[in-house]
Structure formats: structure tokens, C-alpha cells
Amino acid sequence: MADRRLQVFHTVARMLSFTKAADTLHMTQPAVTFQVKQLEEQFNTRLFDRTHNRISLTEAGMVVYEYSERIISLYTEMSNRVGEMTGDLRGQLLIGASTTIAEYMLPRLLGDFKMKYPDVQVRLHVGNTDKIVHMIEDNSIDLGLVEGVVTNKSLATLKCCMDSMIVIAQPDHALGLHESVSAQELLDYPFVSREEGSGTREVTMEYLHQAGIDTDDLHITMELGSPEAVKGAVEGGLGVAIVSEATVLKELALGTLLARPLSPALARPYFFVYQKQKFRSLVMDEFLEFAKERCSKDMLAMPVRREV
């Protein structure tokens, strides 16, 4: 960016927070404050009003923000055009991913992408599906990869791949005698669930609802914030759980968990999410193509294991 001050100002104005902007830009908060102060000195006017630990744009600040949007967009377009001409892919890509995807799918994908395009800087933010969608909505990240349904009409979604969902339990659990597990049978056992806002929880509850089950009848013993925590609780005998098959391949190989398919089977799509109206950089387009190709080949498209 030709004017770093403008980029920093734009980020603060978009998020209305010096702290969040510093985190997004990987800068210290004093450094962010200094850059904004320099821009205010250049224009000889305040760009933000600060009251009660809150900030808002002044009238001048709104003008600068409007022009900064256009300047940054044009700069990105310029970089893309030159990159297309020279075949040189470089720049920064801010990605957000829901917990399951970030822990079990993206590390290898990002590693391979970085090997192909070493001059691209990829920054990854991790959270549940709701958090990632909110980050897309407020432009904190360029691209999200989530496991839940996105209802915001201003966001575009693109299916990446399908993910098999299975029931897991302790190795000596009674479910080991079953070929598969019905939605109704889940009511017979304590259940370990993901937290509110999780795509895994959303798809599980929708599955039960479609089976005619009142989810209030589910005996939830714990609500946990990550696949690792859910697996640990199940291994500890606190209940059964529905998880992505990709998250338990190691445990199934070691015999520390057993898995059974659901009947009827349950699979969910993973979606790329991004702003419809936002200009898509060459880096983002290249990553989308790279990821779609990899997803279609070998990402999370494995059959459910019936034996352990």
C-alpha cells in the first residue's frame, strides 16, 4: 500500500475499534494510533470522535473513509492487472475458518498453497461458523470457509466439498453392537454437543428436527467449544456425540473411540463465503481455484468406517 496511514485508518474506521484493527493488521495499538494521528495531522482535523471508550467517524472522517474505500479497491485492481500480465502472484489473503475446518482440513491445504505461491501471505482466523460469518460481514477477512448454512443474502457461497458425519462413543459402548444409529436411538444415551453458533451443532439439530425429534428431549450432558474437547469428553465416558469423520481418524485407528454411521446417513457441505459486492483479488481467485481442485480430489470425501 502506497500510504500505510490510509490503510490503517480504513481498518480502524471499518471496525470502529483501534484494538480490533491492531489485531487484524498485526500491529500494536500504539502503532495504529500513531498512524491515524499522522493522517489527522496531514488533514489538520480530527477523523474520529472518542467518547466513553467508543469511537465514531467525524464528518471529515466519513469523507476520508469513503475515498479510502475507492483508493484501496483501485490499488487492489491495479496490483491484480499487473500480476496477470507478469504472472507474479503476491499479496495478502485474510481467511477465516470454522474450528473443525481450521484444525483438520486447512493446515495441509494452506501448506500446499504456500509452497506453490511463496510470495502470498495468508493469515488465518479461527472461530465457530457464526463468528466467521460476522467477520465476513464486517470485512475483517476476505474469505471464510464454514460448515453451516449462511442466510445473509449479501454474501456469496460456493460449495467446497461434502463432509460425512458419524456417531462416536467409547470402544466398549453398547452402540458397538449396532450397524448404524438412528436419530431416535440417540435419545437413549447422554449426548455431548458443540456450543451454540457451531456449524456442527446446527446441522445436528436440523437432522434431529427432520427426523421428527424434539431436540429438547436430547440428554445433553456437556456443550463444548471444539472437536478436541468433544472427543475428550466422549473418551471419558460422558456421552456419545455426532462429529465430522475427519476429526476422529486418528482415534479410530488407535481404537480409543468407536464410530457408527447415522441412519439415514448425514453429510454436510463446506462452503466458501465472501462478500458479493467486494472486489475479488487475484490472490483470492487463485486460492479459490486451488482449494476447489484439492477439495474435489481428496478433502474429507472418505467413506464411513464401520469397524474399529
C-alpha atoms as a PDB file:
ATOM      1  CA  MET A   1       0.000   0.000   0.000  1.00  0.00           C
ATOM      2  CA  ALA A   2       1.423   3.340  -1.091  1.00  0.00           C
ATOM      3  CA  ASP A   3       0.044   5.098   2.005  1.00  0.00           C
ATOM      4  CA  ARG A   4       0.129   2.851   5.030  1.00  0.00           C
ATOM      5  CA  ARG A   5      -1.650   5.523   7.076  1.00  0.00           C
ATOM      6  CA  LEU A   6      -4.686   5.291   4.826  1.00  0.00           C
ATOM      7  CA  GLN A   7      -4.817   1.508   5.127  1.00  0.00           C
ATOM      8  CA  VAL A   8      -4.616   1.706   8.921  1.00  0.00           C
ATOM      9  CA  PHE A   9      -7.267   4.430   9.055  1.00  0.00           C
ATOM     10  CA  HIS A  10      -9.553   2.413   6.780  1.00  0.00           C
ATOM     11  CA  THR A  11      -9.275  -0.649   9.026  1.00  0.00           C
ATOM     12  CA  VAL A  12      -9.996   1.358  12.192  1.00  0.00           C
ATOM     13  CA  ALA A  13     -12.943   3.104  10.529  1.00  0.00           C
ATOM     14  CA  ARG A  14     -14.376  -0.152   9.255  1.00  0.00           C
ATOM     15  CA  MET A  15     -14.174  -1.860  12.649  1.00  0.00           C
ATOM     16  CA  LEU A  16     -14.641   1.260  14.797  1.00  0.00           C
ATOM     17  CA  SER A  17     -12.036  -0.129  17.144  1.00  0.00           C
ATOM     18  CA  PHE A  18      -8.325   0.571  17.486  1.00  0.00           C
ATOM     19  CA  THR A  19      -7.870  -2.705  19.343  1.00  0.00           C
ATOM     20  CA  LYS A  20      -9.563  -4.865  16.693  1.00  0.00           C
ATOM     21  CA  ALA A  21      -7.757  -3.001  13.920  1.00  0.00           C
ATOM     22  CA  ALA A  22      -4.406  -3.601  15.601  1.00  0.00           C
ATOM     23  CA  ASP A  23      -5.188  -7.314  15.855  1.00  0.00           C
ATOM     24  CA  THR A  24      -6.284  -7.519  12.208  1.00  0.00           C
ATOM     25  CA  LEU A  25      -3.222  -5.607  10.974  1.00  0.00           C
ATOM     26  CA  HIS A  26      -0.848  -7.451  13.332  1.00  0.00           C
ATOM     27  CA  MET A  27       0.328  -4.148  14.775  1.00  0.00           C
ATOM     28  CA  THR A  28       0.481  -2.796  18.296  1.00  0.00           C
ATOM     29  CA  GLN A  29      -2.330  -0.468  19.315  1.00  0.00           C
ATOM     30  CA  PRO A  30       0.063   2.481  19.870  1.00  0.00           C
ATOM     31  CA  ALA A  31       1.384   1.994  16.335  1.00  0.00           C
ATOM     32  CA  VAL A  32      -2.165   2.074  14.945  1.00  0.00           C
ATOM     33  CA  THR A  33      -2.962   5.206  16.963  1.00  0.00           C
ATOM     34  CA  PHE A  34       0.229   6.867  15.689  1.00  0.00           C
ATOM     35  CA  GLN A  35      -0.630   6.178  12.035  1.00  0.00           C
ATOM     36  CA  VAL A  36      -4.126   7.638  12.445  1.00  0.00           C
ATOM     37  CA  LYS A  37      -2.747  10.654  14.295  1.00  0.00           C
ATOM     38  CA  GLN A  38      -0.348  11.317  11.413  1.00  0.00           C
ATOM     39  CA  LEU A  39      -3.223  11.251   8.947  1.00  0.00           C
ATOM     40  CA  GLU A  40      -5.221  13.638  11.133  1.00  0.00           C
ATOM     41  CA  GLU A  41      -2.241  15.996  11.227  1.00  0.00           C
ATOM     42  CA  GLN A  42      -1.967  15.827   7.443  1.00  0.00           C
ATOM     43  CA  PHE A  43      -5.618  16.889   7.059  1.00  0.00           C
ATOM     44  CA  ASN A  44      -5.419  19.202  10.073  1.00  0.00           C
ATOM     45  CA  THR A  45      -8.663  17.838  11.506  1.00  0.00           C
ATOM     46  CA  ARG A  46      -9.955  15.037  13.702  1.00  0.00           C
ATOM     47  CA  LEU A  47     -11.155  11.942  11.873  1.00  0.00           C
ATOM     48  CA  PHE A  48     -12.607  10.181  14.930  1.00  0.00           C
ATOM     49  CA  ASP A  49     -14.646  11.286  17.910  1.00  0.00           C
ATOM     50  CA  ARG A  50     -13.665   9.435  21.086  1.00  0.00           C
ATOM     51  CA  THR A  51     -16.243   9.239  23.893  1.00  0.00           C
ATOM     52  CA  HIS A  52     -16.676   6.709  26.725  1.00  0.00           C
ATOM     53  CA  ASN A  53     -14.251   4.173  25.244  1.00  0.00           C
ATOM     54  CA  ARG A  54     -16.077   4.332  21.918  1.00  0.00           C
ATOM     55  CA  ILE A  55     -15.086   5.886  18.643  1.00  0.00           C
ATOM     56  CA  SER A  56     -17.122   7.217  15.741  1.00  0.00           C
ATOM     57  CA  LEU A  57     -16.229   8.921  12.494  1.00  0.00           C
ATOM     58  CA  THR A  58     -16.390  12.680  12.312  1.00  0.00           C
ATOM     59  CA  GLU A  59     -17.857  14.306   9.199  1.00  0.00           C
ATOM     60  CA  ALA A  60     -14.350  14.628   7.776  1.00  0.00           C
ATOM     61  CA  GLY A  61     -13.639  11.058   8.779  1.00  0.00           C
ATOM     62  CA  MET A  62     -16.633   9.813   6.788  1.00  0.00           C
ATOM     63  CA  VAL A  63     -15.335  11.619   3.701  1.00  0.00           C
ATOM     64  CA  VAL A  64     -11.865  10.132   4.116  1.00  0.00           C
ATOM     65  CA  TYR A  65     -13.356   6.679   4.684  1.00  0.00           C
ATOM     66  CA  GLU A  66     -15.447   6.913   1.510  1.00  0.00           C
ATOM     67  CA  TYR A  67     -12.422   7.867  -0.573  1.00  0.00           C
ATOM     68  CA  SER A  68     -10.165   5.335   1.135  1.00  0.00           C
ATOM     69  CA  GLU A  69     -12.580   2.548   0.100  1.00  0.00           C
ATOM     70  CA  ARG A  70     -12.248   3.602  -3.516  1.00  0.00           C
ATOM     71  CA  ILE A  71      -8.476   4.125  -3.343  1.00  0.00           C
ATOM     72  CA  ILE A  72      -7.812   0.731  -1.755  1.00  0.00           C
ATOM     73  CA  SER A  73     -10.107  -1.007  -4.235  1.00  0.00           C
ATOM     74  CA  LEU A  74      -8.355   0.665  -7.165  1.00  0.00           C
ATOM     75  CA  TYR A  75      -4.953  -0.214  -5.737  1.00  0.00           C
ATOM     76  CA  THR A  76      -6.017  -3.863  -5.476  1.00  0.00           C
ATOM     77  CA  GLU A  77      -7.311  -3.849  -9.049  1.00  0.00           C
ATOM     78  CA  MET A  78      -4.044  -2.311 -10.242  1.00  0.00           C
ATOM     79  CA  SER A  79      -1.995  -4.969  -8.456  1.00  0.00           C
ATOM     80  CA  ASN A  80      -4.160  -7.706  -9.967  1.00  0.00           C
ATOM     81  CA  ARG A  81      -3.848  -6.361 -13.502  1.00  0.00           C
ATOM     82  CA  VAL A  82      -0.071  -6.119 -13.242  1.00  0.00           C
ATOM     83  CA  GLY A  83       0.063  -9.574 -11.635  1.00  0.00           C
ATOM     84  CA  GLU A  84      -1.950 -11.046 -14.501  1.00  0.00           C
ATOM     85  CA  MET A  85       0.444  -9.512 -17.007  1.00  0.00           C
ATOM     86  CA  THR A  86       3.611 -10.665 -15.249  1.00  0.00           C
ATOM     87  CA  GLY A  87       2.326 -13.971 -13.866  1.00  0.00           C
ATOM     88  CA  ASP A  88       3.577 -12.866 -10.456  1.00  0.00           C
ATOM     89  CA  LEU A  89       1.168 -13.736  -7.645  1.00  0.00           C
ATOM     90  CA  ARG A  90       1.848 -11.916  -4.402  1.00  0.00           C
ATOM     91  CA  GLY A  91      -0.078 -10.091  -1.707  1.00  0.00           C
ATOM     92  CA  GLN A  92      -2.092 -10.909   1.397  1.00  0.00           C
ATOM     93  CA  LEU A  93      -5.144 -13.099   1.916  1.00  0.00           C
ATOM     94  CA  LEU A  94      -7.169 -12.997   5.138  1.00  0.00           C
ATOM     95  CA  ILE A  95      -9.038 -16.262   5.660  1.00  0.00           C
ATOM     96  CA  GLY A  96     -11.429 -17.257   8.408  1.00  0.00           C
ATOM     97  CA  ALA A  97     -12.434 -20.849   9.076  1.00  0.00           C
ATOM     98  CA  SER A  98     -14.720 -22.606  11.498  1.00  0.00           C
ATOM     99  CA  THR A  99     -12.965 -24.715  14.103  1.00  0.00           C
ATOM    100  CA  THR A 100     -13.353 -28.164  12.530  1.00  0.00           C
ATOM    101  CA  ILE A 101     -12.144 -26.987   9.131  1.00  0.00           C
ATOM    102  CA  ALA A 102      -9.243 -24.991  10.563  1.00  0.00           C
ATOM    103  CA  GLU A 103      -7.973 -27.888  12.653  1.00  0.00           C
ATOM    104  CA  TYR A 104      -8.409 -30.801  10.243  1.00  0.00           C
ATOM    105  CA  MET A 105      -8.650 -29.519   6.672  1.00  0.00           C
ATOM    106  CA  LEU A 106      -6.818 -26.245   6.184  1.00  0.00           C
ATOM    107  CA  PRO A 107      -3.289 -26.959   7.512  1.00  0.00           C
ATOM    108  CA  ARG A 108      -2.383 -29.222   4.599  1.00  0.00           C
ATOM    109  CA  LEU A 109      -4.267 -27.081   2.079  1.00  0.00           C
ATOM    110  CA  LEU A 110      -2.578 -23.863   3.195  1.00  0.00           C
ATOM    111  CA  GLY A 111       0.794 -25.559   3.307  1.00  0.00           C
ATOM    112  CA  ASP A 112       0.472 -26.739  -0.284  1.00  0.00           C
ATOM    113  CA  PHE A 113      -0.789 -23.328  -1.419  1.00  0.00           C
ATOM    114  CA  LYS A 114       2.152 -21.610   0.267  1.00  0.00           C
ATOM    115  CA  MET A 115       4.590 -23.958  -1.459  1.00  0.00           C
ATOM    116  CA  LYS A 116       3.093 -23.051  -4.844  1.00  0.00           C
ATOM    117  CA  TYR A 117       2.859 -19.318  -4.105  1.00  0.00           C
ATOM    118  CA  PRO A 118       5.576 -18.435  -1.581  1.00  0.00           C
ATOM    119  CA  ASP A 119       5.090 -14.667  -2.014  1.00  0.00           C
ATOM    120  CA  VAL A 120       1.461 -14.773  -0.821  1.00  0.00           C
ATOM    121  CA  GLN A 121       0.919 -14.011   2.865  1.00  0.00           C
ATOM    122  CA  VAL A 122      -2.013 -15.987   4.276  1.00  0.00           C
ATOM    123  CA  ARG A 123      -3.433 -15.085   7.684  1.00  0.00           C
ATOM    124  CA  LEU A 124      -5.940 -17.432   9.288  1.00  0.00           C
ATOM    125  CA  HIS A 125      -8.604 -16.539  11.872  1.00  0.00           C
ATOM    126  CA  VAL A 126     -10.416 -19.379  13.657  1.00  0.00           C
ATOM    127  CA  GLY A 127     -13.874 -19.338  15.233  1.00  0.00           C
ATOM    128  CA  ASN A 128     -17.238 -21.039  15.040  1.00  0.00           C
ATOM    129  CA  THR A 129     -19.397 -20.562  11.952  1.00  0.00           C
ATOM    130  CA  ASP A 130     -21.310 -17.593  13.373  1.00  0.00           C
ATOM    131  CA  LYS A 131     -18.104 -15.731  14.194  1.00  0.00           C
ATOM    132  CA  ILE A 132     -16.588 -16.308  10.757  1.00  0.00           C
ATOM    133  CA  VAL A 133     -19.748 -15.118   9.001  1.00  0.00           C
ATOM    134  CA  HIS A 134     -19.743 -11.956  11.141  1.00  0.00           C
ATOM    135  CA  MET A 135     -16.105 -11.333  10.179  1.00  0.00           C
ATOM    136  CA  ILE A 136     -17.035 -11.583   6.501  1.00  0.00           C
ATOM    137  CA  GLU A 137     -19.969  -9.230   7.034  1.00  0.00           C
ATOM    138  CA  ASP A 138     -17.802  -6.514   8.588  1.00  0.00           C
ATOM    139  CA  ASN A 139     -14.938  -7.055   6.102  1.00  0.00           C
ATOM    140  CA  SER A 140     -12.483  -8.242   8.754  1.00  0.00           C
ATOM    141  CA  ILE A 141     -11.475 -11.100   6.437  1.00  0.00           C
ATOM    142  CA  ASP A 142     -11.550 -11.672   2.673  1.00  0.00           C
ATOM    143  CA  LEU A 143     -12.799 -15.240   2.600  1.00  0.00           C
ATOM    144  CA  GLY A 144     -14.487 -17.637   5.012  1.00  0.00           C
ATOM    145  CA  LEU A 145     -14.756 -21.413   4.987  1.00  0.00           C
ATOM    146  CA  VAL A 146     -17.625 -22.662   7.132  1.00  0.00           C
ATOM    147  CA  GLU A 147     -19.704 -25.747   7.795  1.00  0.00           C
ATOM    148  CA  GLY A 148     -23.053 -24.086   8.457  1.00  0.00           C
ATOM    149  CA  VAL A 149     -25.772 -22.578   6.292  1.00  0.00           C
ATOM    150  CA  VAL A 150     -25.283 -18.880   5.503  1.00  0.00           C
ATOM    151  CA  THR A 151     -28.515 -16.892   5.266  1.00  0.00           C
ATOM    152  CA  ASN A 152     -27.179 -13.368   4.619  1.00  0.00           C
ATOM    153  CA  LYS A 153     -28.226 -12.510   1.039  1.00  0.00           C
ATOM    154  CA  SER A 154     -25.346 -10.043   0.631  1.00  0.00           C
ATOM    155  CA  LEU A 155     -22.841 -12.890   0.943  1.00  0.00           C
ATOM    156  CA  ALA A 156     -21.920 -15.314  -1.815  1.00  0.00           C
ATOM    157  CA  THR A 157     -21.397 -19.002  -1.047  1.00  0.00           C
ATOM    158  CA  LEU A 158     -19.538 -21.611  -3.050  1.00  0.00           C
ATOM    159  CA  LYS A 159     -19.615 -25.288  -2.087  1.00  0.00           C
ATOM    160  CA  CYS A 160     -16.197 -26.774  -1.456  1.00  0.00           C
ATOM    161  CA  CYS A 161     -16.834 -30.406  -0.532  1.00  0.00           C
ATOM    162  CA  MET A 162     -19.007 -32.765   1.475  1.00  0.00           C
ATOM    163  CA  ASP A 163     -18.240 -33.946   4.993  1.00  0.00           C
ATOM    164  CA  SER A 164     -19.507 -37.225   6.487  1.00  0.00           C
ATOM    165  CA  MET A 165     -20.979 -37.009   9.995  1.00  0.00           C
ATOM    166  CA  ILE A 166     -20.858 -40.012  12.315  1.00  0.00           C
ATOM    167  CA  VAL A 167     -21.702 -41.050  15.861  1.00  0.00           C
ATOM    168  CA  ILE A 168     -18.764 -41.689  18.207  1.00  0.00           C
ATOM    169  CA  ALA A 169     -18.663 -43.438  21.571  1.00  0.00           C
ATOM    170  CA  GLN A 170     -16.294 -45.283  23.881  1.00  0.00           C
ATOM    171  CA  PRO A 171     -14.924 -48.534  22.385  1.00  0.00           C
ATOM    172  CA  ASP A 172     -16.950 -50.732  24.757  1.00  0.00           C
ATOM    173  CA  HIS A 173     -20.182 -48.770  24.320  1.00  0.00           C
ATOM    174  CA  ALA A 174     -23.454 -50.561  23.549  1.00  0.00           C
ATOM    175  CA  LEU A 175     -23.547 -48.837  20.160  1.00  0.00           C
ATOM    176  CA  GLY A 176     -20.722 -51.161  19.140  1.00  0.00           C
ATOM    177  CA  LEU A 177     -23.377 -53.850  18.597  1.00  0.00           C
ATOM    178  CA  HIS A 178     -25.187 -51.651  16.060  1.00  0.00           C
ATOM    179  CA  GLU A 179     -24.510 -51.466  12.331  1.00  0.00           C
ATOM    180  CA  SER A 180     -25.807 -47.909  12.343  1.00  0.00           C
ATOM    181  CA  VAL A 181     -27.544 -45.472  14.685  1.00  0.00           C
ATOM    182  CA  SER A 182     -30.923 -43.845  14.127  1.00  0.00           C
ATOM    183  CA  ALA A 183     -31.827 -40.365  15.289  1.00  0.00           C
ATOM    184  CA  GLN A 184     -34.343 -41.864  17.746  1.00  0.00           C
ATOM    185  CA  GLU A 185     -31.666 -44.066  19.328  1.00  0.00           C
ATOM    186  CA  LEU A 186     -29.588 -41.020  20.238  1.00  0.00           C
ATOM    187  CA  LEU A 187     -32.226 -40.171  22.850  1.00  0.00           C
ATOM    188  CA  ASP A 188     -31.261 -43.319  24.793  1.00  0.00           C
ATOM    189  CA  TYR A 189     -27.791 -42.025  25.712  1.00  0.00           C
ATOM    190  CA  PRO A 190     -26.149 -38.953  27.278  1.00  0.00           C
ATOM    191  CA  PHE A 191     -25.075 -36.604  24.474  1.00  0.00           C
ATOM    192  CA  VAL A 192     -22.016 -34.352  24.167  1.00  0.00           C
ATOM    193  CA  SER A 193     -22.734 -31.326  21.986  1.00  0.00           C
ATOM    194  CA  ARG A 194     -20.851 -28.454  20.386  1.00  0.00           C
ATOM    195  CA  GLU A 195     -21.624 -24.912  21.549  1.00  0.00           C
ATOM    196  CA  GLU A 196     -24.291 -22.546  20.218  1.00  0.00           C
ATOM    197  CA  GLY A 197     -23.126 -20.981  16.953  1.00  0.00           C
ATOM    198  CA  SER A 198     -21.227 -24.085  15.860  1.00  0.00           C
ATOM    199  CA  GLY A 199     -21.966 -25.428  12.391  1.00  0.00           C
ATOM    200  CA  THR A 200     -21.706 -28.980  13.733  1.00  0.00           C
ATOM    201  CA  ARG A 201     -24.376 -28.273  16.332  1.00  0.00           C
ATOM    202  CA  GLU A 202     -26.599 -26.573  13.767  1.00  0.00           C
ATOM    203  CA  VAL A 203     -26.506 -29.481  11.329  1.00  0.00           C
ATOM    204  CA  THR A 204     -27.025 -31.998  14.161  1.00  0.00           C
ATOM    205  CA  MET A 205     -30.106 -30.235  15.494  1.00  0.00           C
ATOM    206  CA  GLU A 206     -31.538 -29.841  11.996  1.00  0.00           C
ATOM    207  CA  TYR A 207     -31.002 -33.558  11.364  1.00  0.00           C
ATOM    208  CA  LEU A 208     -32.911 -34.452  14.526  1.00  0.00           C
ATOM    209  CA  HIS A 209     -35.652 -31.978  13.673  1.00  0.00           C
ATOM    210  CA  GLN A 210     -36.052 -33.525  10.202  1.00  0.00           C
ATOM    211  CA  ALA A 211     -36.375 -36.918  11.912  1.00  0.00           C
ATOM    212  CA  GLY A 212     -39.315 -35.602  13.922  1.00  0.00           C
ATOM    213  CA  ILE A 213     -37.418 -35.392  17.211  1.00  0.00           C
ATOM    214  CA  ASP A 214     -37.821 -32.556  19.687  1.00  0.00           C
ATOM    215  CA  THR A 215     -34.237 -31.507  20.392  1.00  0.00           C
ATOM    216  CA  ASP A 216     -35.258 -30.616  23.952  1.00  0.00           C
ATOM    217  CA  ASP A 217     -35.563 -34.379  24.517  1.00  0.00           C
ATOM    218  CA  LEU A 218     -31.867 -34.840  23.773  1.00  0.00           C
ATOM    219  CA  HIS A 219     -29.989 -35.515  27.010  1.00  0.00           C
ATOM    220  CA  ILE A 220     -27.124 -33.046  26.575  1.00  0.00           C
ATOM    221  CA  THR A 221     -24.554 -33.525  29.328  1.00  0.00           C
ATOM    222  CA  MET A 222     -21.965 -31.052  28.060  1.00  0.00           C
ATOM    223  CA  GLU A 223     -21.628 -28.269  25.484  1.00  0.00           C
ATOM    224  CA  LEU A 224     -18.047 -27.814  24.317  1.00  0.00           C
ATOM    225  CA  GLY A 225     -16.233 -25.381  22.053  1.00  0.00           C
ATOM    226  CA  SER A 226     -14.007 -27.593  19.894  1.00  0.00           C
ATOM    227  CA  PRO A 227     -13.847 -31.049  18.282  1.00  0.00           C
ATOM    228  CA  GLU A 228     -10.911 -31.963  20.531  1.00  0.00           C
ATOM    229  CA  ALA A 229     -12.933 -31.180  23.660  1.00  0.00           C
ATOM    230  CA  VAL A 230     -15.880 -33.219  22.374  1.00  0.00           C
ATOM    231  CA  LYS A 231     -13.646 -36.223  21.626  1.00  0.00           C
ATOM    232  CA  GLY A 232     -12.075 -35.998  25.068  1.00  0.00           C
ATOM    233  CA  ALA A 233     -15.470 -35.951  26.752  1.00  0.00           C
ATOM    234  CA  VAL A 234     -16.645 -38.978  24.768  1.00  0.00           C
ATOM    235  CA  GLU A 235     -13.431 -40.876  25.519  1.00  0.00           C
ATOM    236  CA  GLY A 236     -14.037 -40.063  29.183  1.00  0.00           C
ATOM    237  CA  GLY A 237     -17.450 -41.713  29.094  1.00  0.00           C
ATOM    238  CA  LEU A 238     -19.567 -38.560  29.312  1.00  0.00           C
ATOM    239  CA  GLY A 239     -21.775 -39.494  26.378  1.00  0.00           C
ATOM    240  CA  VAL A 240     -21.965 -40.052  22.645  1.00  0.00           C
ATOM    241  CA  ALA A 241     -21.556 -37.327  20.021  1.00  0.00           C
ATOM    242  CA  ILE A 242     -22.045 -36.538  16.356  1.00  0.00           C
ATOM    243  CA  VAL A 243     -18.820 -35.316  14.744  1.00  0.00           C
ATOM    244  CA  SER A 244     -17.111 -34.985  11.393  1.00  0.00           C
ATOM    245  CA  GLU A 245     -15.469 -38.271  10.444  1.00  0.00           C
ATOM    246  CA  ALA A 246     -12.305 -36.382   9.503  1.00  0.00           C
ATOM    247  CA  THR A 247     -11.830 -35.310  13.120  1.00  0.00           C
ATOM    248  CA  VAL A 248     -11.559 -38.840  14.533  1.00  0.00           C
ATOM    249  CA  LEU A 249      -9.436 -40.776  12.030  1.00  0.00           C
ATOM    250  CA  LYS A 250      -6.535 -40.992  14.465  1.00  0.00           C
ATOM    251  CA  GLU A 251      -8.717 -42.140  17.367  1.00  0.00           C
ATOM    252  CA  LEU A 252     -10.391 -44.783  15.205  1.00  0.00           C
ATOM    253  CA  ALA A 253      -7.001 -46.105  14.101  1.00  0.00           C
ATOM    254  CA  LEU A 254      -5.810 -46.248  17.726  1.00  0.00           C
ATOM    255  CA  GLY A 255      -9.037 -47.828  18.937  1.00  0.00           C
ATOM    256  CA  THR A 256      -9.738 -45.145  21.554  1.00  0.00           C
ATOM    257  CA  LEU A 257     -13.160 -44.429  20.019  1.00  0.00           C
ATOM    258  CA  LEU A 258     -15.702 -46.392  18.028  1.00  0.00           C
ATOM    259  CA  ALA A 259     -17.751 -44.886  15.216  1.00  0.00           C
ATOM    260  CA  ARG A 260     -21.039 -45.775  13.599  1.00  0.00           C
ATOM    261  CA  PRO A 261     -22.817 -44.172  10.649  1.00  0.00           C
ATOM    262  CA  LEU A 262     -26.150 -42.497  11.130  1.00  0.00           C
ATOM    263  CA  SER A 263     -29.275 -43.960   9.554  1.00  0.00           C
ATOM    264  CA  PRO A 264     -30.284 -42.193   7.403  1.00  0.00           C
ATOM    265  CA  ALA A 265     -26.760 -41.036   6.577  1.00  0.00           C
ATOM    266  CA  LEU A 266     -25.780 -37.462   7.367  1.00  0.00           C
ATOM    267  CA  ALA A 267     -23.400 -35.381   5.279  1.00  0.00           C
ATOM    268  CA  ARG A 268     -22.936 -31.628   5.194  1.00  0.00           C
ATOM    269  CA  PRO A 269     -21.373 -29.288   2.680  1.00  0.00           C
ATOM    270  CA  TYR A 270     -18.480 -26.976   3.438  1.00  0.00           C
ATOM    271  CA  PHE A 271     -18.876 -23.517   1.922  1.00  0.00           C
ATOM    272  CA  PHE A 272     -16.583 -20.706   0.906  1.00  0.00           C
ATOM    273  CA  VAL A 273     -18.204 -17.403   1.899  1.00  0.00           C
ATOM    274  CA  TYR A 274     -17.322 -13.909   0.689  1.00  0.00           C
ATOM    275  CA  GLN A 275     -18.867 -10.511   0.024  1.00  0.00           C
ATOM    276  CA  LYS A 276     -20.825 -10.401  -3.245  1.00  0.00           C
ATOM    277  CA  GLN A 277     -20.022  -6.763  -3.972  1.00  0.00           C
ATOM    278  CA  LYS A 278     -16.421  -6.712  -2.785  1.00  0.00           C
ATOM    279  CA  PHE A 279     -13.736  -6.738  -5.461  1.00  0.00           C
ATOM    280  CA  ARG A 280     -12.077 -10.165  -5.544  1.00  0.00           C
ATOM    281  CA  SER A 281      -8.315 -10.000  -5.687  1.00  0.00           C
ATOM    282  CA  LEU A 282      -6.258 -12.215  -7.958  1.00  0.00           C
ATOM    283  CA  VAL A 283      -4.849 -13.910  -4.847  1.00  0.00           C
ATOM    284  CA  MET A 284      -8.339 -14.775  -3.623  1.00  0.00           C
ATOM    285  CA  ASP A 285      -9.428 -16.085  -7.032  1.00  0.00           C
ATOM    286  CA  GLU A 286      -6.325 -18.241  -7.281  1.00  0.00           C
ATOM    287  CA  PHE A 287      -6.836 -19.627  -3.780  1.00  0.00           C
ATOM    288  CA  LEU A 288     -10.483 -20.449  -4.532  1.00  0.00           C
ATOM    289  CA  GLU A 289      -9.498 -22.365  -7.666  1.00  0.00           C
ATOM    290  CA  PHE A 290      -6.675 -24.133  -5.847  1.00  0.00           C
ATOM    291  CA  ALA A 291      -8.907 -25.089  -2.909  1.00  0.00           C
ATOM    292  CA  LYS A 292     -11.806 -26.266  -5.091  1.00  0.00           C
ATOM    293  CA  GLU A 293      -9.481 -28.541  -7.033  1.00  0.00           C
ATOM    294  CA  ARG A 294      -7.991 -30.010  -3.868  1.00  0.00           C
ATOM    295  CA  CYS A 295     -11.363 -30.391  -2.182  1.00  0.00           C
ATOM    296  CA  SER A 296     -12.813 -32.262  -5.127  1.00  0.00           C
ATOM    297  CA  LYS A 297      -9.868 -34.653  -5.151  1.00  0.00           C
ATOM    298  CA  ASP A 298      -9.153 -35.673  -1.601  1.00  0.00           C
ATOM    299  CA  MET A 299     -10.589 -33.428   1.112  1.00  0.00           C
ATOM    300  CA  LEU A 300     -12.973 -35.092   3.525  1.00  0.00           C
ATOM    301  CA  ALA A 301     -14.602 -37.325   0.959  1.00  0.00           C
ATOM    302  CA  MET A 302     -13.850 -40.597   2.718  1.00  0.00           C
ATOM    303  CA  PRO A 303     -16.346 -43.422   3.420  1.00  0.00           C
ATOM    304  CA  VAL A 304     -17.543 -44.032   6.968  1.00  0.00           C
ATOM    305  CA  ARG A 305     -15.663 -46.757   8.806  1.00  0.00           C
ATOM    306  CA  ARG A 306     -17.978 -49.399  10.250  1.00  0.00           C
ATOM    307  CA  GLU A 307     -15.364 -51.384  12.112  1.00  0.00           C
ATOM    308  CA  VAL A 308     -12.673 -50.277  14.571  1.00  0.00           C
END
